PDB file of all heavy atoms in Angstrom:
ATOM      1  N   PRO A   1      -9.394   2.221  -6.057  1.00  0.00           N
ATOM      2  CA  PRO A   1     -10.695   2.583  -6.616  1.00  0.00           C
ATOM      3  C   PRO A   1     -11.365   3.748  -5.894  1.00  0.00           C
ATOM      4  O   PRO A   1     -12.261   4.381  -6.443  1.00  0.00           O
ATOM      5  CB  PRO A   1     -11.521   1.301  -6.460  1.00  0.00           C
ATOM      6  CG  PRO A   1     -10.884   0.593  -5.321  1.00  0.00           C
ATOM      7  CD  PRO A   1      -9.419   0.929  -5.389  1.00  0.00           C
ATOM      8  N   GLU A   2     -10.913   4.052  -4.691  1.00  0.00           N
ATOM      9  CA  GLU A   2     -11.471   5.179  -3.949  1.00  0.00           C
ATOM     10  C   GLU A   2     -11.161   6.495  -4.661  1.00  0.00           C
ATOM     11  O   GLU A   2     -11.991   7.395  -4.709  1.00  0.00           O
ATOM     12  CB  GLU A   2     -10.910   5.189  -2.529  1.00  0.00           C
ATOM     13  CG  GLU A   2     -11.466   6.283  -1.659  1.00  0.00           C
ATOM     14  CD  GLU A   2     -10.872   6.266  -0.267  1.00  0.00           C
ATOM     15  OE1 GLU A   2     -10.470   5.194   0.213  1.00  0.00           O
ATOM     16  OE2 GLU A   2     -10.805   7.349   0.340  1.00  0.00           O
ATOM     17  N   THR A   3      -9.961   6.605  -5.216  1.00  0.00           N
ATOM     18  CA  THR A   3      -9.548   7.829  -5.899  1.00  0.00           C
ATOM     19  C   THR A   3      -9.528   7.677  -7.414  1.00  0.00           C
ATOM     20  O   THR A   3      -9.510   8.670  -8.128  1.00  0.00           O
ATOM     21  CB  THR A   3      -8.137   8.243  -5.449  1.00  0.00           C
ATOM     22  OG1 THR A   3      -7.215   7.214  -5.835  1.00  0.00           O
ATOM     23  CG2 THR A   3      -8.068   8.475  -3.953  1.00  0.00           C
ATOM     24  N   GLY A   4      -9.479   6.441  -7.894  1.00  0.00           N
ATOM     25  CA  GLY A   4      -9.367   6.202  -9.332  1.00  0.00           C
ATOM     26  C   GLY A   4      -7.937   6.273  -9.826  1.00  0.00           C
ATOM     27  O   GLY A   4      -7.679   6.256 -11.018  1.00  0.00           O
ATOM     28  N   ASP A   5      -6.987   6.343  -8.900  1.00  0.00           N
ATOM     29  CA  ASP A   5      -5.576   6.452  -9.265  1.00  0.00           C
ATOM     30  C   ASP A   5      -4.903   5.087  -9.249  1.00  0.00           C
ATOM     31  O   ASP A   5      -5.208   4.239  -8.414  1.00  0.00           O
ATOM     32  CB  ASP A   5      -4.833   7.362  -8.273  1.00  0.00           C
ATOM     33  CG  ASP A   5      -5.337   8.794  -8.315  1.00  0.00           C
ATOM     34  OD1 ASP A   5      -5.760   9.235  -9.397  1.00  0.00           O
ATOM     35  OD2 ASP A   5      -5.308   9.458  -7.264  1.00  0.00           O
ATOM     36  N   GLY A   6      -3.975   4.913 -10.158  1.00  0.00           N
ATOM     37  CA  GLY A   6      -3.198   3.685 -10.210  1.00  0.00           C
ATOM     38  C   GLY A   6      -1.721   3.993 -10.180  1.00  0.00           C
ATOM     39  O   GLY A   6      -1.297   5.115 -10.426  1.00  0.00           O
ATOM     40  N   ALA A   7      -0.945   2.992  -9.847  1.00  0.00           N
ATOM     41  CA  ALA A   7       0.505   3.109  -9.829  1.00  0.00           C
ATOM     42  C   ALA A   7       1.077   1.896 -10.551  1.00  0.00           C
ATOM     43  O   ALA A   7       0.584   0.782 -10.375  1.00  0.00           O
ATOM     44  CB  ALA A   7       1.033   3.174  -8.400  1.00  0.00           C
ATOM     45  N   SER A   8       2.085   2.117 -11.351  1.00  0.00           N
ATOM     46  CA  SER A   8       2.667   1.017 -12.118  1.00  0.00           C
ATOM     47  C   SER A   8       3.470   0.063 -11.251  1.00  0.00           C
ATOM     48  O   SER A   8       3.640  -1.098 -11.600  1.00  0.00           O
ATOM     49  CB  SER A   8       3.549   1.562 -13.243  1.00  0.00           C
ATOM     50  OG  SER A   8       4.580   2.371 -12.696  1.00  0.00           O
ATOM     51  N   SER A   9       3.949   0.547 -10.098  1.00  0.00           N
ATOM     52  CA  SER A   9       4.714  -0.333  -9.216  1.00  0.00           C
ATOM     53  C   SER A   9       4.272  -0.129  -7.776  1.00  0.00           C
ATOM     54  O   SER A   9       3.701   0.902  -7.424  1.00  0.00           O
ATOM     55  CB  SER A   9       6.214  -0.066  -9.340  1.00  0.00           C
ATOM     56  OG  SER A   9       6.525   1.223  -8.847  1.00  0.00           O
ATOM     57  N   GLY A  10       4.553  -1.148  -6.962  1.00  0.00           N
ATOM     58  CA  GLY A  10       4.185  -1.062  -5.567  1.00  0.00           C
ATOM     59  C   GLY A  10       5.023  -1.962  -4.701  1.00  0.00           C
ATOM     60  O   GLY A  10       5.804  -2.786  -5.200  1.00  0.00           O
ATOM     61  N   LYS A  11       4.835  -1.804  -3.403  1.00  0.00           N
ATOM     62  CA  LYS A  11       5.531  -2.624  -2.411  1.00  0.00           C
ATOM     63  C   LYS A  11       4.545  -3.021  -1.340  1.00  0.00           C
ATOM     64  O   LYS A  11       3.664  -2.250  -0.965  1.00  0.00           O
ATOM     65  CB  LYS A  11       6.687  -1.850  -1.775  1.00  0.00           C
ATOM     66  CG  LYS A  11       7.796  -1.504  -2.748  1.00  0.00           C
ATOM     67  CD  LYS A  11       8.916  -0.760  -2.063  1.00  0.00           C
ATOM     68  CE  LYS A  11       9.993  -0.419  -3.081  1.00  0.00           C
ATOM     69  NZ  LYS A  11      11.130   0.258  -2.479  1.00  0.00           N
ATOM     70  N   LEU A  12       4.701  -4.232  -0.849  1.00  0.00           N
ATOM     71  CA  LEU A  12       3.937  -4.723   0.299  1.00  0.00           C
ATOM     72  C   LEU A  12       4.946  -5.061   1.382  1.00  0.00           C
ATOM     73  O   LEU A  12       5.992  -5.647   1.093  1.00  0.00           O
ATOM     74  CB  LEU A  12       3.150  -5.985  -0.060  1.00  0.00           C
ATOM     75  CG  LEU A  12       2.169  -5.896  -1.226  1.00  0.00           C
ATOM     76  CD1 LEU A  12       1.542  -7.259  -1.493  1.00  0.00           C
ATOM     77  CD2 LEU A  12       1.093  -4.865  -0.945  1.00  0.00           C
ATOM     78  N   LYS A  13       4.623  -4.685   2.611  1.00  0.00           N
ATOM     79  CA  LYS A  13       5.507  -5.012   3.733  1.00  0.00           C
ATOM     80  C   LYS A  13       4.646  -5.525   4.875  1.00  0.00           C
ATOM     81  O   LYS A  13       3.786  -4.807   5.381  1.00  0.00           O
ATOM     82  CB  LYS A  13       6.300  -3.789   4.189  1.00  0.00           C
ATOM     83  CG  LYS A  13       7.228  -4.095   5.342  1.00  0.00           C
ATOM     84  CD  LYS A  13       8.034  -2.890   5.750  1.00  0.00           C
ATOM     85  CE  LYS A  13       8.963  -3.270   6.889  1.00  0.00           C
ATOM     86  NZ  LYS A  13       9.796  -2.152   7.311  1.00  0.00           N
ATOM     87  N   LEU A  14       4.890  -6.760   5.285  1.00  0.00           N
ATOM     88  CA  LEU A  14       4.200  -7.347   6.419  1.00  0.00           C
ATOM     89  C   LEU A  14       4.935  -6.930   7.684  1.00  0.00           C
ATOM     90  O   LEU A  14       6.092  -7.293   7.893  1.00  0.00           O
ATOM     91  CB  LEU A  14       4.157  -8.869   6.284  1.00  0.00           C
ATOM     92  CG  LEU A  14       3.307  -9.616   7.298  1.00  0.00           C
ATOM     93  CD1 LEU A  14       1.848  -9.161   7.238  1.00  0.00           C
ATOM     94  CD2 LEU A  14       3.389 -11.113   7.042  1.00  0.00           C
ATOM     95  N   GLN A  15       4.272  -6.137   8.511  1.00  0.00           N
ATOM     96  CA  GLN A  15       4.876  -5.613   9.728  1.00  0.00           C
ATOM     97  C   GLN A  15       4.851  -6.668  10.830  1.00  0.00           C
ATOM     98  O   GLN A  15       4.075  -7.613  10.784  1.00  0.00           O
ATOM     99  CB  GLN A  15       4.117  -4.364  10.196  1.00  0.00           C
ATOM    100  CG  GLN A  15       4.107  -3.253   9.176  1.00  0.00           C
ATOM    101  CD  GLN A  15       3.263  -2.064   9.601  1.00  0.00           C
ATOM    102  OE1 GLN A  15       3.459  -1.011   9.063  1.00  0.00           O
ATOM    103  NE2 GLN A  15       2.338  -2.212  10.538  1.00  0.00           N
ATOM    104  N   ALA A  16       5.663  -6.475  11.837  1.00  0.00           N
ATOM    105  CA  ALA A  16       5.745  -7.413  12.957  1.00  0.00           C
ATOM    106  C   ALA A  16       4.414  -7.538  13.698  1.00  0.00           C
ATOM    107  O   ALA A  16       4.118  -8.589  14.258  1.00  0.00           O
ATOM    108  CB  ALA A  16       6.844  -6.972  13.930  1.00  0.00           C
ATOM    109  N   ASP A  17       3.587  -6.483  13.672  1.00  0.00           N
ATOM    110  CA  ASP A  17       2.295  -6.534  14.359  1.00  0.00           C
ATOM    111  C   ASP A  17       1.199  -7.178  13.510  1.00  0.00           C
ATOM    112  O   ASP A  17       0.039  -7.206  13.897  1.00  0.00           O
ATOM    113  CB  ASP A  17       1.864  -5.142  14.816  1.00  0.00           C
ATOM    114  CG  ASP A  17       1.664  -4.160  13.667  1.00  0.00           C
ATOM    115  OD1 ASP A  17       1.804  -4.546  12.477  1.00  0.00           O
ATOM    116  OD2 ASP A  17       1.360  -2.981  13.956  1.00  0.00           O
ATOM    117  N   GLY A  18       1.563  -7.681  12.324  1.00  0.00           N
ATOM    118  CA  GLY A  18       0.601  -8.364  11.461  1.00  0.00           C
ATOM    119  C   GLY A  18      -0.111  -7.458  10.479  1.00  0.00           C
ATOM    120  O   GLY A  18      -0.887  -7.929   9.658  1.00  0.00           O
ATOM    121  N   LYS A  19       0.128  -6.162  10.537  1.00  0.00           N
ATOM    122  CA  LYS A  19      -0.475  -5.237   9.579  1.00  0.00           C
ATOM    123  C   LYS A  19       0.325  -5.253   8.288  1.00  0.00           C
ATOM    124  O   LYS A  19       1.503  -5.612   8.281  1.00  0.00           O
ATOM    125  CB  LYS A  19      -0.544  -3.830  10.158  1.00  0.00           C
ATOM    126  CG  LYS A  19      -1.484  -3.747  11.348  1.00  0.00           C
ATOM    127  CD  LYS A  19      -1.520  -2.360  11.928  1.00  0.00           C
ATOM    128  CE  LYS A  19      -2.453  -2.333  13.136  1.00  0.00           C
ATOM    129  NZ  LYS A  19      -2.471  -1.013  13.772  1.00  0.00           N
ATOM    130  N   LEU A  20      -0.325  -4.864   7.205  1.00  0.00           N
ATOM    131  CA  LEU A  20       0.308  -4.882   5.893  1.00  0.00           C
ATOM    132  C   LEU A  20       0.390  -3.469   5.342  1.00  0.00           C
ATOM    133  O   LEU A  20      -0.633  -2.804   5.173  1.00  0.00           O
ATOM    134  CB  LEU A  20      -0.492  -5.767   4.939  1.00  0.00           C
ATOM    135  CG  LEU A  20       0.100  -5.996   3.553  1.00  0.00           C
ATOM    136  CD1 LEU A  20       1.376  -6.843   3.642  1.00  0.00           C
ATOM    137  CD2 LEU A  20      -0.928  -6.676   2.647  1.00  0.00           C
ATOM    138  N   GLN A  21       1.615  -3.007   5.081  1.00  0.00           N
ATOM    139  CA  GLN A  21       1.806  -1.716   4.418  1.00  0.00           C
ATOM    140  C   GLN A  21       1.672  -1.945   2.921  1.00  0.00           C
ATOM    141  O   GLN A  21       2.340  -2.816   2.358  1.00  0.00           O
ATOM    142  CB  GLN A  21       3.192  -1.151   4.690  1.00  0.00           C
ATOM    143  CG  GLN A  21       3.379  -0.547   6.027  1.00  0.00           C
ATOM    144  CD  GLN A  21       4.762   0.088   6.158  1.00  0.00           C
ATOM    145  OE1 GLN A  21       5.555   0.113   5.208  1.00  0.00           O
ATOM    146  NE2 GLN A  21       5.060   0.582   7.331  1.00  0.00           N
ATOM    147  N   VAL A  22       0.820  -1.144   2.291  1.00  0.00           N
ATOM    148  CA  VAL A  22       0.611  -1.236   0.845  1.00  0.00           C
ATOM    149  C   VAL A  22       1.025   0.106   0.258  1.00  0.00           C
ATOM    150  O   VAL A  22       0.431   1.134   0.568  1.00  0.00           O
ATOM    151  CB  VAL A  22      -0.871  -1.533   0.511  1.00  0.00           C
ATOM    152  CG1 VAL A  22      -1.075  -1.602  -0.986  1.00  0.00           C
ATOM    153  CG2 VAL A  22      -1.322  -2.813   1.194  1.00  0.00           C
ATOM    154  N   LYS A  23       2.060   0.075  -0.571  1.00  0.00           N
ATOM    155  CA  LYS A  23       2.605   1.311  -1.126  1.00  0.00           C
ATOM    156  C   LYS A  23       2.529   1.263  -2.640  1.00  0.00           C
ATOM    157  O   LYS A  23       2.943   0.288  -3.257  1.00  0.00           O
ATOM    158  CB  LYS A  23       4.064   1.487  -0.694  1.00  0.00           C
ATOM    159  CG  LYS A  23       4.717   2.763  -1.226  1.00  0.00           C
ATOM    160  CD  LYS A  23       6.205   2.819  -0.907  1.00  0.00           C
ATOM    161  CE  LYS A  23       6.414   3.202   0.528  1.00  0.00           C
ATOM    162  NZ  LYS A  23       7.836   3.495   0.813  1.00  0.00           N
ATOM    163  N   GLY A  24       1.982   2.329  -3.217  1.00  0.00           N
ATOM    164  CA  GLY A  24       1.956   2.474  -4.670  1.00  0.00           C
ATOM    165  C   GLY A  24       2.772   3.681  -5.063  1.00  0.00           C
ATOM    166  O   GLY A  24       2.683   4.727  -4.422  1.00  0.00           O
ATOM    167  N   CYS A  25       3.575   3.541  -6.123  1.00  0.00           N
ATOM    168  CA  CYS A  25       4.472   4.625  -6.523  1.00  0.00           C
ATOM    169  C   CYS A  25       4.321   4.950  -8.011  1.00  0.00           C
ATOM    170  O   CYS A  25       4.206   4.062  -8.844  1.00  0.00           O
ATOM    171  CB  CYS A  25       5.922   4.241  -6.259  1.00  0.00           C
ATOM    172  SG  CYS A  25       6.274   3.895  -4.530  1.00  0.00           S
ATOM    173  N   VAL A  26       4.328   6.248  -8.293  1.00  0.00           N
ATOM    174  CA  VAL A  26       4.390   6.757  -9.655  1.00  0.00           C
ATOM    175  C   VAL A  26       5.616   7.648  -9.682  1.00  0.00           C
ATOM    176  O   VAL A  26       5.670   8.656  -8.988  1.00  0.00           O
ATOM    177  CB  VAL A  26       3.121   7.554 -10.030  1.00  0.00           C
ATOM    178  CG1 VAL A  26       3.254   8.146 -11.416  1.00  0.00           C
ATOM    179  CG2 VAL A  26       1.887   6.679  -9.912  1.00  0.00           C
ATOM    180  N   ALA A  27       6.599   7.242 -10.468  1.00  0.00           N
ATOM    181  CA  ALA A  27       7.902   7.927 -10.501  1.00  0.00           C
ATOM    182  C   ALA A  27       8.459   7.948  -9.076  1.00  0.00           C
ATOM    183  O   ALA A  27       8.608   6.902  -8.474  1.00  0.00           O
ATOM    184  CB  ALA A  27       7.780   9.315 -11.103  1.00  0.00           C
ATOM    185  N   ILE A  28       8.722   9.129  -8.519  1.00  0.00           N
ATOM    186  CA  ILE A  28       9.275   9.214  -7.167  1.00  0.00           C
ATOM    187  C   ILE A  28       8.201   9.495  -6.116  1.00  0.00           C
ATOM    188  O   ILE A  28       8.489   9.604  -4.939  1.00  0.00           O
ATOM    189  CB  ILE A  28      10.378  10.293  -7.076  1.00  0.00           C
ATOM    190  CG1 ILE A  28       9.798  11.670  -7.437  1.00  0.00           C
ATOM    191  CG2 ILE A  28      11.555   9.924  -7.953  1.00  0.00           C
ATOM    192  CD1 ILE A  28      10.744  12.826  -7.145  1.00  0.00           C
ATOM    193  N   PHE A  29       6.945   9.609  -6.547  1.00  0.00           N
ATOM    194  CA  PHE A  29       5.854   9.920  -5.628  1.00  0.00           C
ATOM    195  C   PHE A  29       5.156   8.643  -5.201  1.00  0.00           C
ATOM    196  O   PHE A  29       4.699   7.862  -6.032  1.00  0.00           O
ATOM    197  CB  PHE A  29       4.865  10.879  -6.282  1.00  0.00           C
ATOM    198  CG  PHE A  29       5.515  12.163  -6.716  1.00  0.00           C
ATOM    199  CD1 PHE A  29       5.863  12.370  -8.036  1.00  0.00           C
ATOM    200  CD2 PHE A  29       5.821  13.146  -5.784  1.00  0.00           C
ATOM    201  CE1 PHE A  29       6.476  13.542  -8.438  1.00  0.00           C
ATOM    202  CE2 PHE A  29       6.436  14.314  -6.176  1.00  0.00           C
ATOM    203  CZ  PHE A  29       6.768  14.521  -7.507  1.00  0.00           C
ATOM    204  N   CYS A  30       5.064   8.429  -3.887  1.00  0.00           N
ATOM    205  CA  CYS A  30       4.459   7.213  -3.352  1.00  0.00           C
ATOM    206  C   CYS A  30       3.382   7.560  -2.328  1.00  0.00           C
ATOM    207  O   CYS A  30       3.439   8.600  -1.688  1.00  0.00           O
ATOM    208  CB  CYS A  30       5.516   6.346  -2.666  1.00  0.00           C
ATOM    209  SG  CYS A  30       6.806   5.756  -3.767  1.00  0.00           S
ATOM    210  N   ARG A  31       2.426   6.649  -2.200  1.00  0.00           N
ATOM    211  CA  ARG A  31       1.391   6.754  -1.171  1.00  0.00           C
ATOM    212  C   ARG A  31       1.292   5.401  -0.490  1.00  0.00           C
ATOM    213  O   ARG A  31       1.280   4.366  -1.157  1.00  0.00           O
ATOM    214  CB  ARG A  31       0.059   7.141  -1.794  1.00  0.00           C
ATOM    215  CG  ARG A  31      -0.963   7.518  -0.736  1.00  0.00           C
ATOM    216  CD  ARG A  31      -2.200   8.095  -1.341  1.00  0.00           C
ATOM    217  NE  ARG A  31      -3.057   6.964  -1.657  1.00  0.00           N
ATOM    218  CZ  ARG A  31      -4.052   6.991  -2.508  1.00  0.00           C
ATOM    219  NH1 ARG A  31      -4.310   8.077  -3.167  1.00  0.00           N
ATOM    220  NH2 ARG A  31      -4.787   5.943  -2.713  1.00  0.00           N
ATOM    221  N   THR A  32       1.220   5.424   0.842  1.00  0.00           N
ATOM    222  CA  THR A  32       1.177   4.190   1.622  1.00  0.00           C
ATOM    223  C   THR A  32      -0.108   4.130   2.435  1.00  0.00           C
ATOM    224  O   THR A  32      -0.512   5.129   3.025  1.00  0.00           O
ATOM    225  CB  THR A  32       2.389   4.110   2.575  1.00  0.00           C
ATOM    226  OG1 THR A  32       3.587   4.180   1.808  1.00  0.00           O
ATOM    227  CG2 THR A  32       2.374   2.813   3.369  1.00  0.00           C
ATOM    228  N   LYS A  33      -0.724   2.958   2.457  1.00  0.00           N
ATOM    229  CA  LYS A  33      -1.870   2.682   3.327  1.00  0.00           C
ATOM    230  C   LYS A  33      -1.505   1.465   4.163  1.00  0.00           C
ATOM    231  O   LYS A  33      -0.713   0.629   3.735  1.00  0.00           O
ATOM    232  CB  LYS A  33      -3.127   2.391   2.520  1.00  0.00           C
ATOM    233  CG  LYS A  33      -3.698   3.610   1.840  1.00  0.00           C
ATOM    234  CD  LYS A  33      -5.060   3.321   1.286  1.00  0.00           C
ATOM    235  CE  LYS A  33      -5.697   4.588   0.764  1.00  0.00           C
ATOM    236  NZ  LYS A  33      -7.081   4.369   0.342  1.00  0.00           N
ATOM    237  N   VAL A  34      -2.103   1.367   5.343  1.00  0.00           N
ATOM    238  CA  VAL A  34      -1.863   0.219   6.215  1.00  0.00           C
ATOM    239  C   VAL A  34      -3.163  -0.562   6.328  1.00  0.00           C
ATOM    240  O   VAL A  34      -4.198  -0.005   6.707  1.00  0.00           O
ATOM    241  CB  VAL A  34      -1.354   0.656   7.607  1.00  0.00           C
ATOM    242  CG1 VAL A  34      -1.175  -0.537   8.510  1.00  0.00           C
ATOM    243  CG2 VAL A  34      -0.041   1.424   7.470  1.00  0.00           C
ATOM    244  N   TRP A  35      -3.105  -1.833   5.972  1.00  0.00           N
ATOM    245  CA  TRP A  35      -4.258  -2.726   6.025  1.00  0.00           C
ATOM    246  C   TRP A  35      -4.130  -3.631   7.251  1.00  0.00           C
ATOM    247  O   TRP A  35      -3.028  -3.945   7.690  1.00  0.00           O
ATOM    248  CB  TRP A  35      -4.339  -3.597   4.788  1.00  0.00           C
ATOM    249  CG  TRP A  35      -4.597  -2.862   3.515  1.00  0.00           C
ATOM    250  CD1 TRP A  35      -4.803  -1.520   3.333  1.00  0.00           C
ATOM    251  CD2 TRP A  35      -4.685  -3.447   2.212  1.00  0.00           C
ATOM    252  NE1 TRP A  35      -5.008  -1.240   2.022  1.00  0.00           N
ATOM    253  CE2 TRP A  35      -4.947  -2.403   1.291  1.00  0.00           C
ATOM    254  CE3 TRP A  35      -4.575  -4.746   1.725  1.00  0.00           C
ATOM    255  CZ2 TRP A  35      -5.093  -2.613  -0.063  1.00  0.00           C
ATOM    256  CZ3 TRP A  35      -4.718  -4.972   0.363  1.00  0.00           C
ATOM    257  CH2 TRP A  35      -4.984  -3.916  -0.516  1.00  0.00           C
ATOM    258  N   THR A  36      -5.263  -4.048   7.782  1.00  0.00           N
ATOM    259  CA  THR A  36      -5.297  -4.992   8.893  1.00  0.00           C
ATOM    260  C   THR A  36      -6.001  -6.262   8.438  1.00  0.00           C
ATOM    261  O   THR A  36      -6.916  -6.206   7.612  1.00  0.00           O
ATOM    262  CB  THR A  36      -6.018  -4.409  10.118  1.00  0.00           C
ATOM    263  OG1 THR A  36      -7.354  -4.040   9.744  1.00  0.00           O
ATOM    264  CG2 THR A  36      -5.295  -3.210  10.674  1.00  0.00           C
ATOM    265  N   ARG A  37      -5.556  -7.364   8.969  1.00  0.00           N
ATOM    266  CA  ARG A  37      -6.160  -8.641   8.588  1.00  0.00           C
ATOM    267  C   ARG A  37      -7.582  -8.703   9.106  1.00  0.00           C
ATOM    268  O   ARG A  37      -7.849  -8.406  10.262  1.00  0.00           O
ATOM    269  CB  ARG A  37      -5.336  -9.815   9.125  1.00  0.00           C
ATOM    270  CG  ARG A  37      -5.653 -11.120   8.429  1.00  0.00           C
ATOM    271  CD  ARG A  37      -4.736 -12.233   8.868  1.00  0.00           C
ATOM    272  NE  ARG A  37      -3.409 -12.180   8.315  1.00  0.00           N
ATOM    273  CZ  ARG A  37      -3.051 -12.673   7.140  1.00  0.00           C
ATOM    274  NH1 ARG A  37      -3.932 -13.241   6.358  1.00  0.00           N
ATOM    275  NH2 ARG A  37      -1.799 -12.633   6.744  1.00  0.00           N
ATOM    276  N   ALA A  38      -8.521  -9.089   8.252  1.00  0.00           N
ATOM    277  CA  ALA A  38      -9.920  -9.222   8.647  1.00  0.00           C
ATOM    278  C   ALA A  38     -10.087 -10.498   9.446  1.00  0.00           C
ATOM    279  O   ALA A  38      -9.401 -11.487   9.207  1.00  0.00           O
ATOM    280  CB  ALA A  38     -10.817  -9.242   7.410  1.00  0.00           C
ATOM    281  N   ARG A  39     -11.013 -10.493  10.358  1.00  0.00           N
ATOM    282  CA  ARG A  39     -11.268 -11.664  11.196  1.00  0.00           C
ATOM    283  C   ARG A  39     -12.493 -12.386  10.690  1.00  0.00           C
ATOM    284  O   ARG A  39     -13.423 -11.848  10.241  1.00  0.00           O
ATOM    285  CB  ARG A  39     -11.483 -11.244  12.631  1.00  0.00           C
ATOM    286  CG  ARG A  39     -10.303 -10.449  13.145  1.00  0.00           C
ATOM    287  CD  ARG A  39     -10.163 -10.565  14.621  1.00  0.00           C
ATOM    288  NE  ARG A  39      -9.426  -9.498  15.227  1.00  0.00           N
ATOM    289  CZ  ARG A  39      -8.177  -9.179  14.975  1.00  0.00           C
ATOM    290  NH1 ARG A  39      -7.500  -9.823  14.090  1.00  0.00           N
ATOM    291  NH2 ARG A  39      -7.589  -8.196  15.614  1.00  0.00           N
TER     292      ARG A  39
END
């Protein structure tokens, strides 16, 4: 919602440090953000 862009597919990866990689892809173009668990 920050950019208004959407992706039809995505991937989530829970890292060993507890952070979550959130990746959205359109065709071969992807963007990844790293989220941290809220306390």
